[in-house]
Amino acid sequence: MTTLLVIAKEPRPGRVKTRLTPPFTPGQAAELAEAALADTLHAVAATPATRRVLVLDGAPGPWLPPGFDVVAQCAGGLDERLAHAFARCAGPALLIGMDTPQVTPGLLTVDFADCDAWFGPAEDGGFWALGLACPDPALLRGVPMSTPVTGAVQRERLVAAGLRVRDLPTLRDVDTAPDAHAVAALAPRGRFAARLARCSPAAEPVAEPVSPPVGPR
């Protein structure tokens, strides 16, 4: 059995999903982030696991289902925070983020019997999942994060370490408004799709009509 890790930020306006603004307001972006996180956590809750851990920047809220241990993220860059999350695990572990609300228990049910690592590439060049049979923080430290080559560099790091790597399906992260609509279409019955349907893009300011000058011509 595997430890399932979710690394996430508390969904607060101005701190999450900032690339959704515009067209959405910071409040709407936070609502979408909360829905994405809730969908992710419920998928993890429905997946067989030894332990379920939320590695959180912030404080938990009502979106957290039961059955999770909550631990704080460490300081530093994303590579350090991912490495630190794995360092807490004594056995096989699979880590995912909060940006793929379309994830399912089927995708998260992995077997390390014939491999040492699972790798889930993202369409934007990153990765949405990383599983290690024997978690080694050094496999993540120094990998450039949030770049178009992040996934390729991370996967090559695994291969260079002599690990047998199996790939999960490529998924699309929710970073921009087009991403949000595309992902919602893949999981139309989820919390994220329902929240997106209730969010209207921020209205553009309307200029006041200019009155004609009053007085002698």
Protein backbone atom coordinates (compact mmCIF):
# COMPACT_ATOMS: atom_id res chain seq x y z
CA MET A 1 0.00 0.00 0.00
CA THR A 2 1.12 3.51 -0.79
CA THR A 3 1.16 6.82 1.06
CA LEU A 4 -0.76 9.41 -0.97
CA LEU A 5 0.48 12.99 -0.67
CA VAL A 6 -1.33 16.12 -1.85
CA ILE A 7 0.69 19.33 -1.87
CA ALA A 8 -1.48 22.43 -1.85
CA LYS A 9 -1.97 26.04 -0.83
CA GLU A 10 -4.85 27.22 1.29
CA PRO A 11 -7.36 28.65 -1.26
CA ARG A 12 -7.32 32.32 -0.29
CA PRO A 13 -7.93 35.24 -2.70
CA GLY A 14 -4.72 36.66 -4.09
CA ARG A 15 -2.63 33.63 -3.09
CA VAL A 16 -3.87 30.93 -5.44
CA LYS A 17 -4.63 30.66 -9.15
CA THR A 18 -3.46 34.19 -9.87
CA ARG A 19 -3.17 33.37 -13.57
CA LEU A 20 -6.97 33.06 -13.67
CA THR A 21 -7.23 36.81 -13.01
CA PRO A 22 -8.34 38.14 -15.35
CA PRO A 23 -10.90 37.10 -16.52
CA PHE A 24 -11.95 35.93 -13.04
CA THR A 25 -11.76 38.01 -9.89
CA PRO A 26 -9.31 36.97 -7.12
CA GLY A 27 -12.30 35.75 -5.11
CA GLN A 28 -13.57 33.62 -7.96
CA ALA A 29 -10.06 32.24 -8.57
CA ALA A 30 -9.90 31.20 -4.91
CA GLU A 31 -13.32 29.54 -5.17
CA LEU A 32 -12.13 27.60 -8.22
CA ALA A 33 -8.95 26.61 -6.40
CA GLU A 34 -10.99 25.39 -3.42
CA ALA A 35 -13.22 23.31 -5.68
CA ALA A 36 -10.21 21.83 -7.48
CA LEU A 37 -8.60 20.98 -4.15
CA ALA A 38 -11.82 19.43 -2.83
CA ASP A 39 -12.21 17.24 -5.94
CA THR A 40 -8.58 16.16 -5.62
CA LEU A 41 -8.86 15.32 -1.93
CA HIS A 42 -12.06 13.31 -2.42
CA ALA A 43 -10.40 11.31 -5.22
CA VAL A 44 -7.49 10.59 -2.88
CA ALA A 45 -9.90 9.67 -0.07
CA ALA A 46 -11.50 7.08 -2.37
CA THR A 47 -8.14 5.53 -3.30
CA PRO A 48 -6.71 2.62 -1.27
CA ALA A 49 -3.71 3.88 0.70
CA THR A 50 -1.68 3.24 3.82
CA ARG A 51 -1.85 6.92 4.72
CA ARG A 52 -3.23 10.11 3.21
CA VAL A 53 -1.35 13.34 3.82
CA LEU A 54 -2.13 16.94 2.91
CA VAL A 55 1.10 18.94 2.72
CA LEU A 56 -0.35 22.39 3.18
CA ASP A 57 0.78 25.99 2.93
CA GLY A 58 -1.82 27.63 5.17
CA ALA A 59 -4.63 26.32 7.32
CA PRO A 60 -7.16 23.57 6.57
CA GLY A 61 -10.80 24.48 5.99
CA PRO A 62 -14.19 22.81 5.58
CA TRP A 63 -13.05 21.52 2.17
CA LEU A 64 -10.84 18.90 3.89
CA PRO A 65 -12.51 15.46 4.11
CA PRO A 66 -11.79 13.17 7.05
CA GLY A 67 -8.94 10.68 6.98
CA PHE A 68 -6.06 13.03 6.19
CA ASP A 69 -3.01 13.94 8.20
CA VAL A 70 -2.14 17.61 7.68
CA VAL A 71 1.50 18.68 7.74
CA ALA A 72 2.98 22.09 6.98
CA GLN A 73 5.10 22.74 3.93
CA CYS A 74 8.70 23.66 4.62
CA ALA A 75 10.29 26.91 3.50
CA GLY A 76 12.11 27.18 0.18
CA GLY A 77 11.42 26.64 -3.48
CA LEU A 78 8.95 24.11 -4.82
CA ASP A 79 11.68 21.51 -5.36
CA GLU A 80 12.62 21.75 -1.67
CA ARG A 81 8.98 21.53 -0.59
CA LEU A 82 8.36 18.45 -2.73
CA ALA A 83 11.57 16.84 -1.48
CA HIS A 84 10.60 17.54 2.12
CA ALA A 85 7.18 15.96 1.58
CA PHE A 86 8.81 12.74 0.36
CA ALA A 87 11.35 12.82 3.18
CA ARG A 88 8.49 12.25 5.67
CA CYS A 89 7.58 8.91 4.02
CA ALA A 90 9.09 5.60 5.09
CA GLY A 91 7.68 3.55 2.21
CA PRO A 92 6.19 3.88 -1.27
CA ALA A 93 4.57 7.26 -1.88
CA LEU A 94 2.69 9.03 -4.65
CA LEU A 95 2.52 12.83 -4.64
CA ILE A 96 0.10 15.00 -6.61
CA GLY A 97 -0.86 18.68 -6.63
CA MET A 98 -4.19 20.50 -6.48
CA ASP A 99 -4.29 21.52 -10.16
CA THR A 100 -5.88 18.40 -11.68
CA PRO A 101 -9.43 18.09 -10.31
CA GLN A 102 -10.20 15.58 -13.08
CA VAL A 103 -8.01 12.98 -11.35
CA THR A 104 -9.68 9.67 -10.40
CA PRO A 105 -8.96 6.88 -7.92
CA GLY A 106 -8.14 4.67 -10.90
CA LEU A 107 -5.29 6.96 -11.91
CA LEU A 108 -4.00 7.11 -8.35
CA THR A 109 -3.98 3.35 -7.73
CA VAL A 110 -0.39 2.47 -8.59
CA ASP A 111 1.64 -0.69 -8.04
CA PHE A 112 5.39 -0.61 -7.51
CA ALA A 113 5.80 -4.37 -8.02
CA ASP A 114 7.58 -3.96 -11.36
CA CYS A 115 8.86 -0.39 -11.21
CA ASP A 116 10.64 2.05 -8.95
CA ALA A 117 8.85 5.24 -9.95
CA TRP A 118 5.63 6.51 -11.47
CA PHE A 119 5.64 9.73 -13.47
CA GLY A 120 2.58 11.74 -14.52
CA PRO A 121 3.42 14.34 -17.17
CA ALA A 122 1.37 17.52 -17.57
CA GLU A 123 0.48 19.13 -20.87
CA ASP A 124 2.32 22.34 -19.96
CA GLY A 125 5.66 20.54 -19.61
CA GLY A 126 5.50 19.97 -15.87
CA PHE A 127 4.23 16.94 -14.01
CA TRP A 128 1.06 16.28 -12.04
CA ALA A 129 2.15 13.13 -10.21
CA LEU A 130 5.35 11.55 -8.97
CA GLY A 131 5.55 8.20 -7.22
CA LEU A 132 8.64 6.69 -5.62
CA ALA A 133 8.96 3.17 -4.23
CA CYS A 134 11.83 4.35 -2.03
CA PRO A 135 11.39 8.11 -1.51
CA ASP A 136 14.67 9.95 -1.94
CA PRO A 137 14.49 13.75 -1.54
CA ALA A 138 17.68 14.15 -3.59
CA LEU A 139 15.75 13.10 -6.69
CA LEU A 140 13.82 16.39 -6.57
CA ARG A 141 16.22 18.94 -5.17
CA GLY A 142 17.61 21.21 -7.88
CA VAL A 143 15.00 20.36 -10.52
CA PRO A 144 13.87 23.67 -12.09
CA MET A 145 10.20 24.10 -11.32
CA SER A 146 7.42 25.89 -13.24
CA THR A 147 9.24 25.81 -16.58
CA PRO A 148 8.35 24.13 -19.90
CA VAL A 149 11.08 21.52 -19.27
CA THR A 150 10.35 20.73 -15.62
CA GLY A 151 8.78 17.38 -16.42
CA ALA A 152 11.51 16.31 -18.82
CA VAL A 153 14.24 17.23 -16.33
CA GLN A 154 12.49 15.45 -13.47
CA ARG A 155 11.90 12.28 -15.46
CA GLU A 156 15.50 12.25 -16.69
CA ARG A 157 16.63 12.61 -13.06
CA LEU A 158 14.74 9.41 -12.25
CA VAL A 159 16.19 7.54 -15.22
CA ALA A 160 19.72 8.75 -14.49
CA ALA A 161 19.38 7.36 -10.97
CA GLY A 162 18.79 3.92 -12.48
CA LEU A 163 15.09 3.77 -11.58
CA ARG A 164 12.58 1.81 -13.61
CA VAL A 165 9.99 4.45 -14.53
CA ARG A 166 6.40 3.90 -15.60
CA ASP A 167 4.31 6.72 -17.01
CA LEU A 168 0.82 7.77 -16.04
CA PRO A 169 -1.47 9.48 -18.58
CA THR A 170 -0.74 13.09 -19.46
CA LEU A 171 -3.16 15.48 -17.74
CA ARG A 172 -3.91 19.16 -18.12
CA ASP A 173 -3.25 21.47 -15.17
CA VAL A 174 -5.66 24.29 -14.35
CA ASP A 175 -3.58 27.44 -14.69
CA THR A 176 -5.52 29.68 -17.07
CA ALA A 177 -9.17 30.25 -17.97
CA PRO A 178 -8.96 28.01 -21.10
CA ASP A 179 -7.43 25.28 -18.89
CA ALA A 180 -10.33 25.64 -16.46
CA HIS A 181 -12.98 25.18 -19.13
CA ALA A 182 -11.14 22.25 -20.75
CA VAL A 183 -10.68 20.43 -17.44
CA ALA A 184 -14.28 21.07 -16.36
CA ALA A 185 -15.44 19.45 -19.59
CA LEU A 186 -13.45 16.32 -18.70
CA ALA A 187 -15.13 16.04 -15.29
CA PRO A 188 -18.52 17.75 -15.75
CA ARG A 189 -20.03 16.30 -12.55
CA GLY A 190 -17.27 17.45 -10.23
CA ARG A 191 -17.17 20.30 -7.76
CA PHE A 192 -14.79 22.21 -9.99
CA ALA A 193 -17.11 22.13 -13.00
CA ALA A 194 -20.06 23.18 -10.84
CA ARG A 195 -18.12 26.08 -9.35
CA LEU A 196 -16.89 27.21 -12.77
CA ALA A 197 -20.48 27.25 -14.03
CA ARG A 198 -21.39 29.63 -11.19
CA CYS A 199 -18.42 31.94 -11.72
CA SER A 200 -18.82 34.72 -14.24
CA PRO A 201 -15.70 36.46 -15.50
CA ALA A 202 -14.93 39.80 -13.93
CA ALA A 203 -16.90 42.50 -15.67
CA GLU A 204 -14.95 45.04 -17.65
CA PRO A 205 -15.40 48.57 -16.33
CA VAL A 206 -17.89 50.54 -18.35
CA ALA A 207 -16.96 54.10 -19.21
CA GLU A 208 -19.45 56.74 -18.20
CA PRO A 209 -21.06 58.47 -21.17
CA VAL A 210 -19.61 61.87 -21.90
CA SER A 211 -22.24 64.63 -21.71
CA PRO A 212 -22.16 67.32 -24.41
CA PRO A 213 -20.81 70.67 -23.23
CA VAL A 214 -23.41 73.06 -21.84
CA GLY A 215 -23.25 76.74 -22.69
CA PRO A 216 -23.08 79.03 -25.65
CA ARG A 217 -21.66 77.62 -28.84
